[in-house]
Each structure stands twice: as C-alpha cells, then as structure tokens.
Amino acid sequence: MALGARRGTVVSLIVREVLMLAGSAVLVTIPLAIAGSAAVRSQLFGVSIADPLIYGAGILVIGVVATLAGFIPAQRAASVNPTEALRGE
C-alpha cells in the first residue's frame, strides 16, 4: 500500500495466496484420503472408497475455512496506514 496498491488489490493478493496453498493441500490429501478409505472399507460395512459427495463437501469446507483464514488478516493488513507501518520498521 505504501507503493500505491489499493485496498482491494492487497486483500485479493493475500486471499489468492491462501487459496493456492489450500488447493495444493487438497491435491496432496485426496490420494491419502482414498488410501485411508480403502483401509476403513475393509473394516466397516457400507463405506465406499470414492464418495464424491463427501470429497466435495470436504473440499468446500477447506475452501471456506481457508478463505476466512486469509480474508480476516488481509482486511486488517489493508487497513493499516502505510506511513505508520513504515515508521515502525
């Protein structure tokens, strides 16, 4: 913001980075979840390996939590006066 960035640009930059991290975490954990459900399937009756509703709900929850986790601090960071922030450094 000290170099002329707008508030919305700062918020979107931070939220985008958080969502990219969350997306990469989802890509890594999906194969682990499928392997884990294969192990559970042998012990429980009626548990399928690939239930798209459960995976979709999990991805949605992760996306919402990651968005909130990035949006709230991004709003606080965007509301800081750049002059005071630079003076504190």
PDB file of N, CA and C in Angstrom:
ATOM      1  N   MET A   1       0.821  -1.181   0.000  1.00  0.00           N
ATOM      2  CA  MET A   1       0.000   0.000   0.000  1.00  0.00           C
ATOM      3  C   MET A   1       0.866   1.246   0.000  1.00  0.00           C
ATOM      4  N   ALA A   2       2.069   1.103   0.537  1.00  0.00           N
ATOM      5  CA  ALA A   2       2.959   2.256   0.549  1.00  0.00           C
ATOM      6  C   ALA A   2       3.421   2.599  -0.864  1.00  0.00           C
ATOM      7  N   LEU A   3       3.357   1.637  -1.775  1.00  0.00           N
ATOM      8  CA  LEU A   3       3.779   1.885  -3.148  1.00  0.00           C
ATOM      9  C   LEU A   3       2.602   2.168  -4.069  1.00  0.00           C
ATOM     10  N   GLY A   4       1.417   2.362  -3.507  1.00  0.00           N
ATOM     11  CA  GLY A   4       0.273   2.764  -4.302  1.00  0.00           C
ATOM     12  C   GLY A   4      -0.752   1.679  -4.567  1.00  0.00           C
ATOM     13  N   ALA A   5      -0.624   0.545  -3.947  1.00  0.00           N
ATOM     14  CA  ALA A   5      -1.609  -0.518  -4.156  1.00  0.00           C
ATOM     15  C   ALA A   5      -2.921  -0.150  -3.479  1.00  0.00           C
ATOM     16  N   ARG A   6      -4.008  -0.579  -4.080  1.00  0.00           N
ATOM     17  CA  ARG A   6      -5.322  -0.323  -3.495  1.00  0.00           C
ATOM     18  C   ARG A   6      -5.647  -1.389  -2.467  1.00  0.00           C
ATOM     19  N   ARG A   7      -6.611  -1.066  -1.618  1.00  0.00           N
ATOM     20  CA  ARG A   7      -7.014  -1.989  -0.554  1.00  0.00           C
ATOM     21  C   ARG A   7      -7.487  -3.324  -1.103  1.00  0.00           C
ATOM     22  N   GLY A   8      -8.332  -3.273  -2.120  1.00  0.00           N
ATOM     23  CA  GLY A   8      -8.865  -4.492  -2.716  1.00  0.00           C
ATOM     24  C   GLY A   8      -7.792  -5.367  -3.335  1.00  0.00           C
ATOM     25  N   THR A   9      -6.772  -4.725  -3.902  1.00  0.00           N
ATOM     26  CA  THR A   9      -5.670  -5.466  -4.501  1.00  0.00           C
ATOM     27  C   THR A   9      -4.876  -6.217  -3.439  1.00  0.00           C
ATOM     28  N   VAL A  10      -4.643  -5.568  -2.319  1.00  0.00           N
ATOM     29  CA  VAL A  10      -3.904  -6.200  -1.225  1.00  0.00           C
ATOM     30  C   VAL A  10      -4.688  -7.391  -0.679  1.00  0.00           C
ATOM     31  N   VAL A  11      -5.981  -7.205  -0.466  1.00  0.00           N
ATOM     32  CA  VAL A  11      -6.821  -8.286   0.068  1.00  0.00           C
ATOM     33  C   VAL A  11      -6.869  -9.448  -0.909  1.00  0.00           C
ATOM     34  N   SER A  12      -7.074  -9.160  -2.189  1.00  0.00           N
ATOM     35  CA  SER A  12      -7.167 -10.249  -3.162  1.00  0.00           C
ATOM     36  C   SER A  12      -5.844 -10.991  -3.313  1.00  0.00           C
ATOM     37  N   LEU A  13      -4.737 -10.297  -3.198  1.00  0.00           N
ATOM     38  CA  LEU A  13      -3.433 -10.945  -3.280  1.00  0.00           C
ATOM     39  C   LEU A  13      -3.242 -11.936  -2.135  1.00  0.00           C
ATOM     40  N   ILE A  14      -3.571 -11.519  -0.935  1.00  0.00           N
ATOM     41  CA  ILE A  14      -3.394 -12.397   0.229  1.00  0.00           C
ATOM     42  C   ILE A  14      -4.352 -13.576   0.168  1.00  0.00           C
ATOM     43  N   VAL A  15      -5.614 -13.328  -0.170  1.00  0.00           N
ATOM     44  CA  VAL A  15      -6.595 -14.411  -0.238  1.00  0.00           C
ATOM     45  C   VAL A  15      -6.228 -15.391  -1.355  1.00  0.00           C
ATOM     46  N   ARG A  16      -5.758 -14.897  -2.479  1.00  0.00           N
ATOM     47  CA  ARG A  16      -5.348 -15.774  -3.578  1.00  0.00           C
ATOM     48  C   ARG A  16      -4.202 -16.688  -3.155  1.00  0.00           C
ATOM     49  N   GLU A  17      -3.225 -16.151  -2.427  1.00  0.00           N
ATOM     50  CA  GLU A  17      -2.113 -16.977  -1.968  1.00  0.00           C
ATOM     51  C   GLU A  17      -2.588 -18.045  -0.985  1.00  0.00           C
ATOM     52  N   VAL A  18      -3.498 -17.685  -0.105  1.00  0.00           N
ATOM     53  CA  VAL A  18      -4.031 -18.657   0.850  1.00  0.00           C
ATOM     54  C   VAL A  18      -4.801 -19.751   0.126  1.00  0.00           C
ATOM     55  N   LEU A  19      -5.595 -19.385  -0.867  1.00  0.00           N
ATOM     56  CA  LEU A  19      -6.361 -20.389  -1.613  1.00  0.00           C
ATOM     57  C   LEU A  19      -5.460 -21.287  -2.456  1.00  0.00           C
ATOM     58  N   MET A  20      -4.347 -20.755  -2.948  1.00  0.00           N
ATOM     59  CA  MET A  20      -3.406 -21.610  -3.677  1.00  0.00           C
ATOM     60  C   MET A  20      -2.779 -22.632  -2.737  1.00  0.00           C
ATOM     61  N   LEU A  21      -2.449 -22.222  -1.524  1.00  0.00           N
ATOM     62  CA  LEU A  21      -1.921 -23.165  -0.541  1.00  0.00           C
ATOM     63  C   LEU A  21      -2.955 -24.222  -0.175  1.00  0.00           C
ATOM     64  N   ALA A  22      -4.196 -23.797   0.004  1.00  0.00           N
ATOM     65  CA  ALA A  22      -5.263 -24.739   0.339  1.00  0.00           C
ATOM     66  C   ALA A  22      -5.505 -25.710  -0.816  1.00  0.00           C
ATOM     67  N   GLY A  23      -5.466 -25.209  -2.040  1.00  0.00           N
ATOM     68  CA  GLY A  23      -5.647 -26.075  -3.203  1.00  0.00           C
ATOM     69  C   GLY A  23      -4.554 -27.107  -3.335  1.00  0.00           C
ATOM     70  N   SER A  24      -3.321 -26.715  -3.084  1.00  0.00           N
ATOM     71  CA  SER A  24      -2.226 -27.683  -3.144  1.00  0.00           C
ATOM     72  C   SER A  24      -2.339 -28.703  -2.015  1.00  0.00           C
ATOM     73  N   ALA A  25      -2.823 -28.279  -0.867  1.00  0.00           N
ATOM     74  CA  ALA A  25      -3.035 -29.228   0.235  1.00  0.00           C
ATOM     75  C   ALA A  25      -4.126 -30.224  -0.112  1.00  0.00           C
ATOM     76  N   VAL A  26      -5.177 -29.770  -0.772  1.00  0.00           N
ATOM     77  CA  VAL A  26      -6.254 -30.678  -1.190  1.00  0.00           C
ATOM     78  C   VAL A  26      -5.726 -31.674  -2.213  1.00  0.00           C
ATOM     79  N   LEU A  27      -4.918 -31.212  -3.166  1.00  0.00           N
ATOM     80  CA  LEU A  27      -4.370 -32.116  -4.178  1.00  0.00           C
ATOM     81  C   LEU A  27      -3.473 -33.192  -3.575  1.00  0.00           C
ATOM     82  N   VAL A  28      -2.789 -32.857  -2.502  1.00  0.00           N
ATOM     83  CA  VAL A  28      -1.925 -33.832  -1.850  1.00  0.00           C
ATOM     84  C   VAL A  28      -2.736 -34.808  -0.999  1.00  0.00           C
ATOM     85  N   THR A  29      -3.773 -34.325  -0.346  1.00  0.00           N
ATOM     86  CA  THR A  29      -4.501 -35.167   0.602  1.00  0.00           C
ATOM     87  C   THR A  29      -5.581 -36.035  -0.034  1.00  0.00           C
ATOM     88  N   ILE A  30      -6.024 -35.745  -1.253  1.00  0.00           N
ATOM     89  CA  ILE A  30      -7.048 -36.587  -1.888  1.00  0.00           C
ATOM     90  C   ILE A  30      -6.549 -38.022  -2.061  1.00  0.00           C
ATOM     91  N   PRO A  31      -5.349 -38.270  -2.602  1.00  0.00           N
ATOM     92  CA  PRO A  31      -4.895 -39.663  -2.681  1.00  0.00           C
ATOM     93  C   PRO A  31      -4.740 -40.320  -1.301  1.00  0.00           C
ATOM     94  N   LEU A  32      -4.326 -39.543  -0.316  1.00  0.00           N
ATOM     95  CA  LEU A  32      -4.223 -40.091   1.033  1.00  0.00           C
ATOM     96  C   LEU A  32      -5.591 -40.450   1.591  1.00  0.00           C
ATOM     97  N   ALA A  33      -6.593 -39.644   1.296  1.00  0.00           N
ATOM     98  CA  ALA A  33      -7.949 -39.934   1.756  1.00  0.00           C
ATOM     99  C   ALA A  33      -8.498 -41.183   1.085  1.00  0.00           C
ATOM    100  N   ILE A  34      -8.208 -41.357  -0.196  1.00  0.00           N
ATOM    101  CA  ILE A  34      -8.670 -42.556  -0.899  1.00  0.00           C
ATOM    102  C   ILE A  34      -7.985 -43.792  -0.335  1.00  0.00           C
ATOM    103  N   ALA A  35      -6.695 -43.694  -0.053  1.00  0.00           N
ATOM    104  CA  ALA A  35      -5.981 -44.830   0.545  1.00  0.00           C
ATOM    105  C   ALA A  35      -6.509 -45.125   1.952  1.00  0.00           C
ATOM    106  N   GLY A  36      -6.794 -44.076   2.708  1.00  0.00           N
ATOM    107  CA  GLY A  36      -7.336 -44.275   4.054  1.00  0.00           C
ATOM    108  C   GLY A  36      -8.726 -44.874   4.024  1.00  0.00           C
ATOM    109  N   SER A  37      -9.547 -44.468   3.064  1.00  0.00           N
ATOM    110  CA  SER A  37     -10.889 -45.034   2.992  1.00  0.00           C
ATOM    111  C   SER A  37     -10.854 -46.482   2.525  1.00  0.00           C
ATOM    112  N   ALA A  38      -9.840 -46.856   1.740  1.00  0.00           N
ATOM    113  CA  ALA A  38      -9.689 -48.259   1.357  1.00  0.00           C
ATOM    114  C   ALA A  38      -9.385 -49.106   2.586  1.00  0.00           C
ATOM    115  N   ALA A  39      -8.600 -48.586   3.505  1.00  0.00           N
ATOM    116  CA  ALA A  39      -8.299 -49.320   4.727  1.00  0.00           C
ATOM    117  C   ALA A  39      -9.529 -49.426   5.626  1.00  0.00           C
ATOM    118  N   VAL A  40     -10.325 -48.382   5.679  1.00  0.00           N
ATOM    119  CA  VAL A  40     -11.535 -48.385   6.506  1.00  0.00           C
ATOM    120  C   VAL A  40     -12.604 -49.279   5.893  1.00  0.00           C
ATOM    121  N   ARG A  41     -12.641 -49.343   4.573  1.00  0.00           N
ATOM    122  CA  ARG A  41     -13.647 -50.155   3.895  1.00  0.00           C
ATOM    123  C   ARG A  41     -13.531 -51.617   4.282  1.00  0.00           C
ATOM    124  N   SER A  42     -12.328 -52.096   4.502  1.00  0.00           N
ATOM    125  CA  SER A  42     -12.164 -53.493   4.882  1.00  0.00           C
ATOM    126  C   SER A  42     -12.667 -53.758   6.293  1.00  0.00           C
ATOM    127  N   GLN A  43     -12.826 -52.722   7.102  1.00  0.00           N
ATOM    128  CA  GLN A  43     -13.245 -52.903   8.487  1.00  0.00           C
ATOM    129  C   GLN A  43     -14.704 -52.518   8.727  1.00  0.00           C
ATOM    130  N   LEU A  44     -15.268 -51.663   7.905  1.00  0.00           N
ATOM    131  CA  LEU A  44     -16.638 -51.194   8.096  1.00  0.00           C
ATOM    132  C   LEU A  44     -17.511 -51.596   6.918  1.00  0.00           C
ATOM    133  N   PHE A  45     -18.769 -51.843   7.184  1.00  0.00           N
ATOM    134  CA  PHE A  45     -19.716 -52.219   6.148  1.00  0.00           C
ATOM    135  C   PHE A  45     -20.343 -50.977   5.523  1.00  0.00           C
ATOM    136  N   GLY A  46     -20.393 -50.921   4.204  1.00  0.00           N
ATOM    137  CA  GLY A  46     -21.087 -49.847   3.513  1.00  0.00           C
ATOM    138  C   GLY A  46     -20.276 -48.589   3.290  1.00  0.00           C
ATOM    139  N   VAL A  47     -18.973 -48.620   3.491  1.00  0.00           N
ATOM    140  CA  VAL A  47     -18.122 -47.447   3.257  1.00  0.00           C
ATOM    141  C   VAL A  47     -17.504 -47.595   1.874  1.00  0.00           C
ATOM    142  N   SER A  48     -17.782 -46.642   0.990  1.00  0.00           N
ATOM    143  CA  SER A  48     -17.212 -46.729  -0.351  1.00  0.00           C
ATOM    144  C   SER A  48     -15.875 -45.987  -0.408  1.00  0.00           C
ATOM    145  N   ILE A  49     -15.063 -46.383  -1.360  1.00  0.00           N
ATOM    146  CA  ILE A  49     -13.737 -45.776  -1.484  1.00  0.00           C
ATOM    147  C   ILE A  49     -13.834 -44.359  -2.024  1.00  0.00           C
ATOM    148  N   ALA A  50     -14.644 -44.167  -3.042  1.00  0.00           N
ATOM    149  CA  ALA A  50     -14.734 -42.853  -3.681  1.00  0.00           C
ATOM    150  C   ALA A  50     -16.167 -42.341  -3.598  1.00  0.00           C
ATOM    151  N   ASP A  51     -16.473 -41.606  -2.569  1.00  0.00           N
ATOM    152  CA  ASP A  51     -17.790 -40.990  -2.423  1.00  0.00           C
ATOM    153  C   ASP A  51     -17.645 -39.519  -2.795  1.00  0.00           C
ATOM    154  N   PRO A  52     -18.092 -39.134  -3.981  1.00  0.00           N
ATOM    155  CA  PRO A  52     -17.856 -37.758  -4.439  1.00  0.00           C
ATOM    156  C   PRO A  52     -18.543 -36.707  -3.564  1.00  0.00           C
ATOM    157  N   LEU A  53     -19.650 -37.045  -2.954  1.00  0.00           N
ATOM    158  CA  LEU A  53     -20.333 -36.082  -2.096  1.00  0.00           C
ATOM    159  C   LEU A  53     -19.478 -35.730  -0.875  1.00  0.00           C
ATOM    160  N   ILE A  54     -18.876 -36.724  -0.277  1.00  0.00           N
ATOM    161  CA  ILE A  54     -18.031 -36.494   0.902  1.00  0.00           C
ATOM    162  C   ILE A  54     -16.779 -35.714   0.517  1.00  0.00           C
ATOM    163  N   TYR A  55     -16.149 -36.107  -0.591  1.00  0.00           N
ATOM    164  CA  TYR A  55     -14.949 -35.384  -1.018  1.00  0.00           C
ATOM    165  C   TYR A  55     -15.280 -33.942  -1.394  1.00  0.00           C
ATOM    166  N   GLY A  56     -16.398 -33.749  -2.080  1.00  0.00           N
ATOM    167  CA  GLY A  56     -16.814 -32.393  -2.446  1.00  0.00           C
ATOM    168  C   GLY A  56     -17.108 -31.539  -1.230  1.00  0.00           C
ATOM    169  N   ALA A  57     -17.789 -32.131  -0.239  1.00  0.00           N
ATOM    170  CA  ALA A  57     -18.085 -31.393   0.991  1.00  0.00           C
ATOM    171  C   ALA A  57     -16.800 -31.040   1.737  1.00  0.00           C
ATOM    172  N   GLY A  58     -15.855 -31.962   1.763  1.00  0.00           N
ATOM    173  CA  GLY A  58     -14.576 -31.694   2.426  1.00  0.00           C
ATOM    174  C   GLY A  58     -13.801 -30.586   1.745  1.00  0.00           C
ATOM    175  N   ILE A  59     -13.782 -30.614   0.415  1.00  0.00           N
ATOM    176  CA  ILE A  59     -13.086 -29.567  -0.329  1.00  0.00           C
ATOM    177  C   ILE A  59     -13.767 -28.221  -0.122  1.00  0.00           C
ATOM    178  N   LEU A  60     -15.096 -28.219  -0.098  1.00  0.00           N
ATOM    179  CA  LEU A  60     -15.836 -26.978   0.133  1.00  0.00           C
ATOM    180  C   LEU A  60     -15.543 -26.402   1.516  1.00  0.00           C
ATOM    181  N   VAL A  61     -15.533 -27.255   2.530  1.00  0.00           N
ATOM    182  CA  VAL A  61     -15.240 -26.794   3.892  1.00  0.00           C
ATOM    183  C   VAL A  61     -13.816 -26.235   3.973  1.00  0.00           C
ATOM    184  N   ILE A  62     -12.877 -26.922   3.358  1.00  0.00           N
ATOM    185  CA  ILE A  62     -11.491 -26.446   3.367  1.00  0.00           C
ATOM    186  C   ILE A  62     -11.391 -25.097   2.658  1.00  0.00           C
ATOM    187  N   GLY A  63     -12.096 -24.942   1.548  1.00  0.00           N
ATOM    188  CA  GLY A  63     -12.075 -23.681   0.819  1.00  0.00           C
ATOM    189  C   GLY A  63     -12.669 -22.527   1.620  1.00  0.00           C
ATOM    190  N   VAL A  64     -13.788 -22.788   2.298  1.00  0.00           N
ATOM    191  CA  VAL A  64     -14.424 -21.725   3.100  1.00  0.00           C
ATOM    192  C   VAL A  64     -13.533 -21.337   4.278  1.00  0.00           C
ATOM    193  N   VAL A  65     -12.995 -22.328   4.966  1.00  0.00           N
ATOM    194  CA  VAL A  65     -12.133 -22.038   6.117  1.00  0.00           C
ATOM    195  C   VAL A  65     -10.872 -21.305   5.672  1.00  0.00           C
ATOM    196  N   ALA A  66     -10.278 -21.733   4.556  1.00  0.00           N
ATOM    197  CA  ALA A  66      -9.068 -21.064   4.062  1.00  0.00           C
ATOM    198  C   ALA A  66      -9.374 -19.630   3.634  1.00  0.00           C
ATOM    199  N   THR A  67     -10.528 -19.419   3.005  1.00  0.00           N
ATOM    200  CA  THR A  67     -10.895 -18.064   2.596  1.00  0.00           C
ATOM    201  C   THR A  67     -11.064 -17.155   3.802  1.00  0.00           C
ATOM    202  N   LEU A  68     -11.753 -17.643   4.816  1.00  0.00           N
ATOM    203  CA  LEU A  68     -11.915 -16.838   6.029  1.00  0.00           C
ATOM    204  C   LEU A  68     -10.584 -16.626   6.742  1.00  0.00           C
ATOM    205  N   ALA A  69      -9.746 -17.661   6.751  1.00  0.00           N
ATOM    206  CA  ALA A  69      -8.444 -17.547   7.412  1.00  0.00           C
ATOM    207  C   ALA A  69      -7.544 -16.544   6.707  1.00  0.00           C
ATOM    208  N   GLY A  70      -7.727 -16.364   5.410  1.00  0.00           N
ATOM    209  CA  GLY A  70      -6.932 -15.373   4.692  1.00  0.00           C
ATOM    210  C   GLY A  70      -7.589 -14.016   4.626  1.00  0.00           C
ATOM    211  N   PHE A  71      -8.914 -13.985   4.569  1.00  0.00           N
ATOM    212  CA  PHE A  71      -9.628 -12.720   4.381  1.00  0.00           C
ATOM    213  C   PHE A  71      -9.561 -11.833   5.617  1.00  0.00           C
ATOM    214  N   ILE A  72      -9.727 -12.406   6.785  1.00  0.00           N
ATOM    215  CA  ILE A  72      -9.748 -11.611   8.017  1.00  0.00           C
ATOM    216  C   ILE A  72      -8.399 -10.918   8.258  1.00  0.00           C
ATOM    217  N   PRO A  73      -7.264 -11.627   8.199  1.00  0.00           N
ATOM    218  CA  PRO A  73      -5.983 -10.913   8.351  1.00  0.00           C
ATOM    219  C   PRO A  73      -5.685  -9.962   7.190  1.00  0.00           C
ATOM    220  N   ALA A  74      -6.180 -10.299   5.989  1.00  0.00           N
ATOM    221  CA  ALA A  74      -5.951  -9.415   4.848  1.00  0.00           C
ATOM    222  C   ALA A  74      -6.683  -8.092   5.035  1.00  0.00           C
ATOM    223  N   GLN A  75      -7.874  -8.139   5.578  1.00  0.00           N
ATOM    224  CA  GLN A  75      -8.614  -6.907   5.867  1.00  0.00           C
ATOM    225  C   GLN A  75      -7.864  -6.060   6.888  1.00  0.00           C
ATOM    226  N   ARG A  76      -7.325  -6.709   7.908  1.00  0.00           N
ATOM    227  CA  ARG A  76      -6.568  -5.965   8.916  1.00  0.00           C
ATOM    228  C   ARG A  76      -5.300  -5.373   8.311  1.00  0.00           C
ATOM    229  N   ALA A  77      -4.623  -6.150   7.447  1.00  0.00           N
ATOM    230  CA  ALA A  77      -3.394  -5.646   6.826  1.00  0.00           C
ATOM    231  C   ALA A  77      -3.691  -4.489   5.882  1.00  0.00           C
ATOM    232  N   ALA A  78      -4.820  -4.545   5.199  1.00  0.00           N
ATOM    233  CA  ALA A  78      -5.163  -3.482   4.259  1.00  0.00           C
ATOM    234  C   ALA A  78      -5.608  -2.207   4.970  1.00  0.00           C
ATOM    235  N   SER A  79      -6.019  -2.332   6.216  1.00  0.00           N
ATOM    236  CA  SER A  79      -6.486  -1.144   6.926  1.00  0.00           C
ATOM    237  C   SER A  79      -5.364  -0.408   7.661  1.00  0.00           C
ATOM    238  N   VAL A  80      -4.175  -0.972   7.666  1.00  0.00           N
ATOM    239  CA  VAL A  80      -3.040  -0.322   8.334  1.00  0.00           C
ATOM    240  C   VAL A  80      -2.580   0.871   7.501  1.00  0.00           C
ATOM    241  N   ASN A  81      -2.304   1.951   8.166  1.00  0.00           N
ATOM    242  CA  ASN A  81      -1.775   3.135   7.496  1.00  0.00           C
ATOM    243  C   ASN A  81      -0.337   2.851   7.075  1.00  0.00           C
ATOM    244  N   PRO A  82      -0.014   2.937   5.779  1.00  0.00           N
ATOM    245  CA  PRO A  82       1.337   2.600   5.314  1.00  0.00           C
ATOM    246  C   PRO A  82       2.424   3.455   5.951  1.00  0.00           C
ATOM    247  N   THR A  83       2.131   4.693   6.231  1.00  0.00           N
ATOM    248  CA  THR A  83       3.132   5.571   6.835  1.00  0.00           C
ATOM    249  C   THR A  83       3.504   5.089   8.222  1.00  0.00           C
ATOM    250  N   GLU A  84       2.503   4.702   9.005  1.00  0.00           N
ATOM    251  CA  GLU A  84       2.777   4.198  10.352  1.00  0.00           C
ATOM    252  C   GLU A  84       3.502   2.854  10.306  1.00  0.00           C
ATOM    253  N   ALA A  85       3.162   2.012   9.343  1.00  0.00           N
ATOM    254  CA  ALA A  85       3.821   0.718   9.215  1.00  0.00           C
ATOM    255  C   ALA A  85       5.292   0.885   8.857  1.00  0.00           C
ATOM    256  N   LEU A  86       5.583   1.795   7.935  1.00  0.00           N
ATOM    257  CA  LEU A  86       6.963   2.039   7.562  1.00  0.00           C
ATOM    258  C   LEU A  86       7.747   2.727   8.680  1.00  0.00           C
ATOM    259  N   ARG A  87       7.076   3.558   9.436  1.00  0.00           N
ATOM    260  CA  ARG A  87       7.733   4.232  10.548  1.00  0.00           C
ATOM    261  C   ARG A  87       8.114   3.225  11.631  1.00  0.00           C
ATOM    262  N   GLY A  88       7.304   2.187  11.796  1.00  0.00           N
ATOM    263  CA  GLY A  88       7.577   1.167  12.800  1.00  0.00           C
ATOM    264  C   GLY A  88       8.743   0.275  12.433  1.00  0.00           C
ATOM    265  N   GLU A  89       9.059   0.208  11.154  1.00  0.00           N
ATOM    266  CA  GLU A  89      10.184  -0.605  10.697  1.00  0.00           C
ATOM    267  C   GLU A  89      11.448   0.140  10.979  1.00  0.00           C
TER     268      GLU A  89
END
